[in-house]
């Protein structure tokens, strides 16, 4: 009788293997940092849609693009220092930095324009060097096309800046997303009327900007300045070009494919 009770007690007792907690596998997380102008930034660019819908939870996606910035002014104001700090944050297996400039480097933008032959390519090359020095991996993007047509033909005024970026990518042996070529081809194929759907507001809409507040003691929340133009993107445009960037990125940087969602 005693032996039967002892056997039952042994069977009921949990083994060491059953009670020992399973060891947690350390996460191998990565980070993607977006650097550029309003065509990448929140409220006007493809970046928000890219971070929200095309990146898995194993990659932090940080959008540091800012409207109105050029390859020169982004650095001069200190935004690049913030981006470098993001690259140096410990704990990430890989950090990729996507860099897209060109729109505000064009002539006629006081305090922002850069010389296409000398200053602009030097700025882009310096970004590449400093990303690598920070231990991160640079990816260059040619600028997203504007959606302006003349006599049914897309006016791609950013092609010279795209060409300069392509040259830097070859010289620095850095992955290139030729967003200018692909976006230009897509916009030309769909035509002006269809491309106008990508704007923040429909054609003819009055601009929407900050509104006054009568609450003296409460600071008003920020409000977007929306307008119809053929440079910036609304939700439909952001979704469309974010998917394009994702396809190009998966092809140009195969190592990133497990982090990307089509």
C-alpha atoms as a PDB file:
ATOM      1  CA  UNK A   1       0.000   0.000   0.000  1.00  0.00           C
ATOM      2  CA  UNK A   2       2.828   2.276   0.932  1.00  0.00           C
ATOM      3  CA  UNK A   3       4.591   1.626  -2.390  1.00  0.00           C
ATOM      4  CA  UNK A   4       1.455   2.514  -4.333  1.00  0.00           C
ATOM      5  CA  UNK A   5       1.125   5.833  -2.489  1.00  0.00           C
ATOM      6  CA  UNK A   6       4.794   6.636  -3.061  1.00  0.00           C
ATOM      7  CA  UNK A   7       4.447   5.905  -6.779  1.00  0.00           C
ATOM      8  CA  UNK A   8       1.383   8.127  -7.013  1.00  0.00           C
ATOM      9  CA  UNK A   9       3.273  10.943  -5.294  1.00  0.00           C
ATOM     10  CA  UNK A  10       6.146  10.672  -7.779  1.00  0.00           C
ATOM     11  CA  UNK A  11       3.779  10.765 -10.719  1.00  0.00           C
ATOM     12  CA  UNK A  12       2.021  13.840  -9.374  1.00  0.00           C
ATOM     13  CA  UNK A  13       5.220  15.751  -8.608  1.00  0.00           C
ATOM     14  CA  UNK A  14       6.314  18.099 -11.441  1.00  0.00           C
ATOM     15  CA  UNK A  15       9.687  17.389 -12.931  1.00  0.00           C
ATOM     16  CA  UNK A  16      12.457  19.976 -13.094  1.00  0.00           C
ATOM     17  CA  UNK A  17      11.948  20.240 -16.834  1.00  0.00           C
ATOM     18  CA  UNK A  18       8.276  21.090 -16.302  1.00  0.00           C
ATOM     19  CA  UNK A  19       8.914  23.813 -13.742  1.00  0.00           C
ATOM     20  CA  UNK A  20      11.931  25.512 -15.319  1.00  0.00           C
ATOM     21  CA  UNK A  21      10.887  28.628 -17.282  1.00  0.00           C
ATOM     22  CA  UNK A  22      11.644  28.553 -20.993  1.00  0.00           C
ATOM     23  CA  UNK A  23      14.567  30.785 -21.870  1.00  0.00           C
ATOM     24  CA  UNK A  24      13.548  33.889 -23.831  1.00  0.00           C
ATOM     25  CA  UNK A  25      15.314  34.406 -27.120  1.00  0.00           C
ATOM     26  CA  UNK A  26      16.773  37.936 -27.336  1.00  0.00           C
ATOM     27  CA  UNK A  27      15.055  40.066 -29.960  1.00  0.00           C
ATOM     28  CA  UNK A  28      17.056  41.003 -33.046  1.00  0.00           C
ATOM     29  CA  UNK A  29      15.378  44.310 -33.802  1.00  0.00           C
ATOM     30  CA  UNK A  30      16.363  46.769 -36.514  1.00  0.00           C
ATOM     31  CA  UNK A  31      15.671  50.420 -37.201  1.00  0.00           C
ATOM     32  CA  UNK A  32      14.820  52.394 -40.322  1.00  0.00           C
ATOM     33  CA  UNK A  33      15.416  56.164 -40.245  1.00  0.00           C
ATOM     34  CA  UNK A  34      13.858  58.405 -42.901  1.00  0.00           C
ATOM     35  CA  UNK A  35      15.681  61.633 -43.766  1.00  0.00           C
ATOM     36  CA  UNK A  36      14.488  64.158 -46.320  1.00  0.00           C
ATOM     37  CA  UNK A  37      11.983  66.876 -47.187  1.00  0.00           C
ATOM     38  CA  UNK A  38       8.189  67.207 -47.235  1.00  0.00           C
ATOM     39  CA  UNK A  39       7.721  64.498 -49.872  1.00  0.00           C
ATOM     40  CA  UNK A  40       8.959  62.018 -47.244  1.00  0.00           C
ATOM     41  CA  UNK A  41       7.711  63.790 -44.096  1.00  0.00           C
ATOM     42  CA  UNK A  42       4.423  63.470 -42.225  1.00  0.00           C
ATOM     43  CA  UNK A  43       1.466  65.350 -43.739  1.00  0.00           C
ATOM     44  CA  UNK A  44       2.679  65.574 -47.305  1.00  0.00           C
ATOM     45  CA  UNK A  45       4.997  62.646 -47.973  1.00  0.00           C
ATOM     46  CA  UNK A  46       5.106  58.874 -48.426  1.00  0.00           C
ATOM     47  CA  UNK A  47       6.961  58.263 -45.142  1.00  0.00           C
ATOM     48  CA  UNK A  48       3.967  57.952 -42.766  1.00  0.00           C
ATOM     49  CA  UNK A  49       2.330  55.275 -44.892  1.00  0.00           C
ATOM     50  CA  UNK A  50       5.624  53.437 -45.257  1.00  0.00           C
ATOM     51  CA  UNK A  51       6.225  53.318 -41.497  1.00  0.00           C
ATOM     52  CA  UNK A  52       2.602  52.449 -40.698  1.00  0.00           C
ATOM     53  CA  UNK A  53       1.847  49.766 -43.277  1.00  0.00           C
ATOM     54  CA  UNK A  54       5.056  48.451 -44.828  1.00  0.00           C
ATOM     55  CA  UNK A  55       7.348  47.681 -41.891  1.00  0.00           C
ATOM     56  CA  UNK A  56       7.016  44.800 -39.429  1.00  0.00           C
ATOM     57  CA  UNK A  57       7.112  45.218 -35.650  1.00  0.00           C
ATOM     58  CA  UNK A  58      10.707  43.953 -35.693  1.00  0.00           C
ATOM     59  CA  UNK A  59      11.845  47.282 -37.156  1.00  0.00           C
ATOM     60  CA  UNK A  60      11.442  50.666 -35.526  1.00  0.00           C
ATOM     61  CA  UNK A  61      10.609  53.196 -38.241  1.00  0.00           C
ATOM     62  CA  UNK A  62      11.546  56.769 -37.373  1.00  0.00           C
ATOM     63  CA  UNK A  63      10.503  59.524 -39.772  1.00  0.00           C
ATOM     64  CA  UNK A  64      12.837  62.506 -39.326  1.00  0.00           C
ATOM     65  CA  UNK A  65      12.068  64.103 -42.700  1.00  0.00           C
ATOM     66  CA  UNK A  66      10.969  67.744 -42.437  1.00  0.00           C
ATOM     67  CA  UNK A  67       9.087  69.959 -44.854  1.00  0.00           C
ATOM     68  CA  UNK A  68      10.968  72.685 -46.687  1.00  0.00           C
ATOM     69  CA  UNK A  69      14.438  71.265 -46.069  1.00  0.00           C
ATOM     70  CA  UNK A  70      17.229  70.843 -48.575  1.00  0.00           C
ATOM     71  CA  UNK A  71      20.381  68.763 -48.376  1.00  0.00           C
ATOM     72  CA  UNK A  72      22.046  71.850 -46.910  1.00  0.00           C
ATOM     73  CA  UNK A  73      19.431  73.341 -44.574  1.00  0.00           C
ATOM     74  CA  UNK A  74      18.586  69.975 -42.987  1.00  0.00           C
ATOM     75  CA  UNK A  75      22.122  69.773 -41.679  1.00  0.00           C
ATOM     76  CA  UNK A  76      22.480  73.493 -40.863  1.00  0.00           C
ATOM     77  CA  UNK A  77      19.434  73.581 -38.582  1.00  0.00           C
ATOM     78  CA  UNK A  78      20.550  70.542 -36.564  1.00  0.00           C
ATOM     79  CA  UNK A  79      18.100  67.948 -37.876  1.00  0.00           C
ATOM     80  CA  UNK A  80      20.974  65.806 -39.101  1.00  0.00           C
ATOM     81  CA  UNK A  81      22.459  65.728 -35.600  1.00  0.00           C
ATOM     82  CA  UNK A  82      19.173  64.247 -34.348  1.00  0.00           C
ATOM     83  CA  UNK A  83      19.285  61.646 -37.098  1.00  0.00           C
ATOM     84  CA  UNK A  84      22.852  60.694 -36.168  1.00  0.00           C
ATOM     85  CA  UNK A  85      21.763  60.258 -32.553  1.00  0.00           C
ATOM     86  CA  UNK A  86      19.040  57.850 -33.708  1.00  0.00           C
ATOM     87  CA  UNK A  87      21.599  55.846 -35.662  1.00  0.00           C
ATOM     88  CA  UNK A  88      23.834  55.484 -32.613  1.00  0.00           C
ATOM     89  CA  UNK A  89      21.120  54.246 -30.238  1.00  0.00           C
ATOM     90  CA  UNK A  90      22.360  50.870 -28.940  1.00  0.00           C
ATOM     91  CA  UNK A  91      20.454  47.604 -29.097  1.00  0.00           C
ATOM     92  CA  UNK A  92      19.601  47.390 -32.800  1.00  0.00           C
ATOM     93  CA  UNK A  93      20.984  44.672 -35.033  1.00  0.00           C
ATOM     94  CA  UNK A  94      20.902  46.894 -38.125  1.00  0.00           C
ATOM     95  CA  UNK A  95      20.079  50.532 -38.759  1.00  0.00           C
ATOM     96  CA  UNK A  96      19.225  51.682 -42.269  1.00  0.00           C
ATOM     97  CA  UNK A  97      18.977  55.356 -43.213  1.00  0.00           C
ATOM     98  CA  UNK A  98      16.915  56.320 -46.277  1.00  0.00           C
ATOM     99  CA  UNK A  99      17.923  59.752 -47.601  1.00  0.00           C
ATOM    100  CA  UNK A 100      15.908  61.730 -50.174  1.00  0.00           C
ATOM    101  CA  UNK A 101      16.592  65.366 -51.085  1.00  0.00           C
ATOM    102  CA  UNK A 102      16.359  67.503 -54.199  1.00  0.00           C
ATOM    103  CA  UNK A 103      13.072  69.442 -54.208  1.00  0.00           C
ATOM    104  CA  UNK A 104      14.281  72.310 -52.047  1.00  0.00           C
ATOM    105  CA  UNK A 105      17.815  72.208 -53.420  1.00  0.00           C
ATOM    106  CA  UNK A 106      16.492  73.650 -56.673  1.00  0.00           C
ATOM    107  CA  UNK A 107      17.156  77.329 -57.509  1.00  0.00           C
ATOM    108  CA  UNK A 108      14.925  80.102 -56.186  1.00  0.00           C
ATOM    109  CA  UNK A 109      14.652  78.927 -52.572  1.00  0.00           C
ATOM    110  CA  UNK A 110      16.540  81.437 -50.375  1.00  0.00           C
ATOM    111  CA  UNK A 111      18.526  79.826 -47.595  1.00  0.00           C
ATOM    112  CA  UNK A 112      17.924  76.349 -49.016  1.00  0.00           C
ATOM    113  CA  UNK A 113      19.060  76.140 -52.648  1.00  0.00           C
ATOM    114  CA  UNK A 114      22.337  74.341 -53.304  1.00  0.00           C
ATOM    115  CA  UNK A 115      24.586  74.328 -56.332  1.00  0.00           C
ATOM    116  CA  UNK A 116      23.748  71.299 -58.447  1.00  0.00           C
ATOM    117  CA  UNK A 117      27.235  70.822 -59.854  1.00  0.00           C
ATOM    118  CA  UNK A 118      29.174  71.019 -56.595  1.00  0.00           C
ATOM    119  CA  UNK A 119      27.331  71.550 -53.315  1.00  0.00           C
ATOM    120  CA  UNK A 120      24.422  69.144 -53.759  1.00  0.00           C
ATOM    121  CA  UNK A 121      26.460  66.032 -54.656  1.00  0.00           C
ATOM    122  CA  UNK A 122      28.992  66.892 -51.946  1.00  0.00           C
ATOM    123  CA  UNK A 123      26.181  67.085 -49.398  1.00  0.00           C
ATOM    124  CA  UNK A 124      24.779  63.710 -50.442  1.00  0.00           C
ATOM    125  CA  UNK A 125      28.212  62.080 -50.364  1.00  0.00           C
ATOM    126  CA  UNK A 126      28.862  63.493 -46.902  1.00  0.00           C
ATOM    127  CA  UNK A 127      25.573  62.056 -45.641  1.00  0.00           C
ATOM    128  CA  UNK A 128      26.630  58.616 -46.873  1.00  0.00           C
ATOM    129  CA  UNK A 129      30.032  58.860 -45.196  1.00  0.00           C
ATOM    130  CA  UNK A 130      28.575  59.998 -41.876  1.00  0.00           C
ATOM    131  CA  UNK A 131      25.898  57.288 -41.833  1.00  0.00           C
ATOM    132  CA  UNK A 132      28.598  54.670 -42.260  1.00  0.00           C
ATOM    133  CA  UNK A 133      30.779  56.316 -39.608  1.00  0.00           C
ATOM    134  CA  UNK A 134      27.840  56.072 -37.196  1.00  0.00           C
ATOM    135  CA  UNK A 135      27.645  52.324 -37.801  1.00  0.00           C
ATOM    136  CA  UNK A 136      24.474  52.492 -39.903  1.00  0.00           C
ATOM    137  CA  UNK A 137      23.707  51.607 -43.522  1.00  0.00           C
ATOM    138  CA  UNK A 138      22.817  54.360 -46.028  1.00  0.00           C
ATOM    139  CA  UNK A 139      20.302  54.058 -48.842  1.00  0.00           C
ATOM    140  CA  UNK A 140      19.941  56.925 -51.332  1.00  0.00           C
ATOM    141  CA  UNK A 141      16.653  57.826 -53.025  1.00  0.00           C
ATOM    142  CA  UNK A 142      16.250  60.010 -56.086  1.00  0.00           C
ATOM    143  CA  UNK A 143      13.516  62.633 -55.528  1.00  0.00           C
ATOM    144  CA  UNK A 144       9.864  61.774 -55.988  1.00  0.00           C
ATOM    145  CA  UNK A 145       8.540  63.375 -59.168  1.00  0.00           C
ATOM    146  CA  UNK A 146       6.240  66.344 -59.175  1.00  0.00           C
ATOM    147  CA  UNK A 147       2.964  65.731 -61.015  1.00  0.00           C
ATOM    148  CA  UNK A 148       2.960  68.701 -63.404  1.00  0.00           C
ATOM    149  CA  UNK A 149       1.979  68.184 -67.052  1.00  0.00           C
ATOM    150  CA  UNK A 150       2.299  70.238 -70.209  1.00  0.00           C
ATOM    151  CA  UNK A 151       0.465  69.164 -73.364  1.00  0.00           C
ATOM    152  CA  UNK A 152      -0.052  65.719 -71.837  1.00  0.00           C
ATOM    153  CA  UNK A 153       3.615  65.204 -70.975  1.00  0.00           C
ATOM    154  CA  UNK A 154       4.955  65.051 -67.432  1.00  0.00           C
ATOM    155  CA  UNK A 155       7.434  67.840 -66.649  1.00  0.00           C
ATOM    156  CA  UNK A 156      10.069  66.042 -64.596  1.00  0.00           C
ATOM    157  CA  UNK A 157      12.097  69.049 -63.462  1.00  0.00           C
ATOM    158  CA  UNK A 158      13.923  66.986 -60.824  1.00  0.00           C
ATOM    159  CA  UNK A 159      15.775  64.721 -63.259  1.00  0.00           C
ATOM    160  CA  UNK A 160      19.099  66.654 -62.989  1.00  0.00           C
ATOM    161  CA  UNK A 161      19.066  66.202 -59.206  1.00  0.00           C
ATOM    162  CA  UNK A 162      18.192  62.550 -59.630  1.00  0.00           C
ATOM    163  CA  UNK A 163      21.150  62.157 -61.986  1.00  0.00           C
ATOM    164  CA  UNK A 164      23.477  63.685 -59.390  1.00  0.00           C
ATOM    165  CA  UNK A 165      22.271  61.234 -56.745  1.00  0.00           C
ATOM    166  CA  UNK A 166      22.750  58.276 -59.079  1.00  0.00           C
ATOM    167  CA  UNK A 167      26.354  59.335 -59.608  1.00  0.00           C
ATOM    168  CA  UNK A 168      26.986  59.587 -55.851  1.00  0.00           C
ATOM    169  CA  UNK A 169      25.442  56.142 -55.348  1.00  0.00           C
ATOM    170  CA  UNK A 170      27.833  54.636 -57.900  1.00  0.00           C
ATOM    171  CA  UNK A 171      30.876  56.418 -56.493  1.00  0.00           C
ATOM    172  CA  UNK A 172      30.048  55.485 -52.901  1.00  0.00           C
ATOM    173  CA  UNK A 173      28.803  51.972 -53.742  1.00  0.00           C
ATOM    174  CA  UNK A 174      25.580  52.578 -51.840  1.00  0.00           C
ATOM    175  CA  UNK A 175      22.126  51.080 -52.583  1.00  0.00           C
ATOM    176  CA  UNK A 176      19.947  53.341 -54.719  1.00  0.00           C
ATOM    177  CA  UNK A 177      16.167  53.577 -54.989  1.00  0.00           C
ATOM    178  CA  UNK A 178      15.534  55.380 -58.264  1.00  0.00           C
ATOM    179  CA  UNK A 179      12.192  56.736 -57.102  1.00  0.00           C
ATOM    180  CA  UNK A 180      12.332  59.543 -59.645  1.00  0.00           C
ATOM    181  CA  UNK A 181      12.393  57.154 -62.595  1.00  0.00           C
ATOM    182  CA  UNK A 182       9.675  54.856 -61.293  1.00  0.00           C
ATOM    183  CA  UNK A 183       7.368  57.608 -60.022  1.00  0.00           C
ATOM    184  CA  UNK A 184       7.762  59.591 -63.252  1.00  0.00           C
ATOM    185  CA  UNK A 185       6.867  56.580 -65.367  1.00  0.00           C
ATOM    186  CA  UNK A 186       3.851  55.770 -63.218  1.00  0.00           C
ATOM    187  CA  UNK A 187       2.511  59.338 -63.200  1.00  0.00           C
ATOM    188  CA  UNK A 188       3.019  59.721 -66.955  1.00  0.00           C
ATOM    189  CA  UNK A 189       1.165  56.464 -67.576  1.00  0.00           C
ATOM    190  CA  UNK A 190      -1.850  57.396 -65.428  1.00  0.00           C
ATOM    191  CA  UNK A 191      -2.165  60.954 -66.749  1.00  0.00           C
ATOM    192  CA  UNK A 192      -2.772  64.300 -65.091  1.00  0.00           C
ATOM    193  CA  UNK A 193      -6.381  63.757 -63.971  1.00  0.00           C
ATOM    194  CA  UNK A 194      -5.618  60.483 -62.238  1.00  0.00           C
ATOM    195  CA  UNK A 195      -2.423  61.851 -60.686  1.00  0.00           C
ATOM    196  CA  UNK A 196      -4.351  64.779 -59.209  1.00  0.00           C
ATOM    197  CA  UNK A 197      -6.011  62.296 -56.847  1.00  0.00           C
ATOM    198  CA  UNK A 198      -2.688  62.053 -55.021  1.00  0.00           C
ATOM    199  CA  UNK A 199      -2.806  65.680 -53.804  1.00  0.00           C
ATOM    200  CA  UNK A 200      -3.767  66.649 -50.263  1.00  0.00           C
ATOM    201  CA  UNK A 201      -6.995  68.304 -51.465  1.00  0.00           C
ATOM    202  CA  UNK A 202      -9.012  68.121 -54.709  1.00  0.00           C
ATOM    203  CA  UNK A 203      -8.320  70.691 -57.451  1.00  0.00           C
ATOM    204  CA  UNK A 204      -9.920  74.055 -56.712  1.00  0.00           C
ATOM    205  CA  UNK A 205     -10.074  73.514 -52.953  1.00  0.00           C
ATOM    206  CA  UNK A 206      -9.339  76.419 -50.657  1.00  0.00           C
ATOM    207  CA  UNK A 207      -6.232  75.875 -48.516  1.00  0.00           C
ATOM    208  CA  UNK A 208      -6.799  74.645 -44.986  1.00  0.00           C
ATOM    209  CA  UNK A 209      -4.556  76.069 -42.289  1.00  0.00           C
ATOM    210  CA  UNK A 210      -4.415  76.804 -38.575  1.00  0.00           C
ATOM    211  CA  UNK A 211      -7.555  78.294 -37.034  1.00  0.00           C
ATOM    212  CA  UNK A 212      -7.757  80.868 -34.285  1.00  0.00           C
ATOM    213  CA  UNK A 213      -8.657  79.879 -30.746  1.00  0.00           C
ATOM    214  CA  UNK A 214     -10.526  81.810 -28.093  1.00  0.00           C
ATOM    215  CA  UNK A 215      -9.177  79.683 -25.264  1.00  0.00           C
ATOM    216  CA  UNK A 216      -6.450  81.948 -23.912  1.00  0.00           C
ATOM    217  CA  UNK A 217      -5.203  79.538 -21.250  1.00  0.00           C
ATOM    218  CA  UNK A 218      -5.037  76.475 -23.477  1.00  0.00           C
ATOM    219  CA  UNK A 219      -2.429  76.291 -26.190  1.00  0.00           C
ATOM    220  CA  UNK A 220      -4.064  75.132 -29.454  1.00  0.00           C
ATOM    221  CA  UNK A 221      -2.991  71.848 -30.984  1.00  0.00           C
ATOM    222  CA  UNK A 222      -0.970  71.887 -34.184  1.00  0.00           C
ATOM    223  CA  UNK A 223      -3.026  71.845 -37.360  1.00  0.00           C
ATOM    224  CA  UNK A 224      -1.867  70.797 -40.822  1.00  0.00           C
ATOM    225  CA  UNK A 225      -1.613  73.308 -43.644  1.00  0.00           C
ATOM    226  CA  UNK A 226      -3.268  71.468 -46.502  1.00  0.00           C
ATOM    227  CA  UNK A 227      -3.532  72.606 -50.101  1.00  0.00           C
ATOM    228  CA  UNK A 228      -3.892  71.364 -53.627  1.00  0.00           C
ATOM    229  CA  UNK A 229      -0.561  71.168 -55.385  1.00  0.00           C
ATOM    230  CA  UNK A 230       1.254  68.678 -57.545  1.00  0.00           C
ATOM    231  CA  UNK A 231       4.199  68.058 -55.222  1.00  0.00           C
ATOM    232  CA  UNK A 232       2.819  67.014 -51.853  1.00  0.00           C
ATOM    233  CA  UNK A 233       0.775  63.917 -51.116  1.00  0.00           C
ATOM    234  CA  UNK A 234      -2.535  63.195 -49.469  1.00  0.00           C
ATOM    235  CA  UNK A 235      -3.418  59.793 -48.043  1.00  0.00           C
ATOM    236  CA  UNK A 236      -4.002  58.121 -51.412  1.00  0.00           C
ATOM    237  CA  UNK A 237      -0.733  59.453 -52.805  1.00  0.00           C
ATOM    238  CA  UNK A 238       1.194  58.518 -49.675  1.00  0.00           C
ATOM    239  CA  UNK A 239      -0.128  54.957 -49.830  1.00  0.00           C
ATOM    240  CA  UNK A 240       0.658  54.629 -53.527  1.00  0.00           C
ATOM    241  CA  UNK A 241       4.251  55.829 -53.349  1.00  0.00           C
ATOM    242  CA  UNK A 242       4.994  54.101 -50.029  1.00  0.00           C
ATOM    243  CA  UNK A 243       4.157  50.812 -51.748  1.00  0.00           C
ATOM    244  CA  UNK A 244       6.487  51.817 -54.579  1.00  0.00           C
ATOM    245  CA  UNK A 245       9.314  52.589 -52.156  1.00  0.00           C
ATOM    246  CA  UNK A 246       8.766  49.228 -50.458  1.00  0.00           C
ATOM    247  CA  UNK A 247       9.042  47.327 -53.746  1.00  0.00           C
ATOM    248  CA  UNK A 248      12.215  49.180 -54.709  1.00  0.00           C
ATOM    249  CA  UNK A 249      13.731  48.739 -51.267  1.00  0.00           C
ATOM    250  CA  UNK A 250      13.115  44.993 -51.270  1.00  0.00           C
ATOM    251  CA  UNK A 251      14.914  44.754 -54.611  1.00  0.00           C
ATOM    252  CA  UNK A 252      17.806  47.120 -53.792  1.00  0.00           C
ATOM    253  CA  UNK A 253      18.463  45.841 -50.255  1.00  0.00           C
ATOM    254  CA  UNK A 254      17.515  42.135 -50.098  1.00  0.00           C
ATOM    255  CA  UNK A 255      18.711  41.978 -46.482  1.00  0.00           C
ATOM    256  CA  UNK A 256      15.714  44.149 -45.537  1.00  0.00           C
ATOM    257  CA  UNK A 257      13.067  41.923 -47.128  1.00  0.00           C
ATOM    258  CA  UNK A 258      12.077  40.126 -43.880  1.00  0.00           C
ATOM    259  CA  UNK A 259      11.279  43.530 -42.353  1.00  0.00           C
ATOM    260  CA  UNK A 260       9.145  44.793 -45.226  1.00  0.00           C
ATOM    261  CA  UNK A 261       5.446  44.212 -45.880  1.00  0.00           C
ATOM    262  CA  UNK A 262       4.102  44.463 -49.445  1.00  0.00           C
END
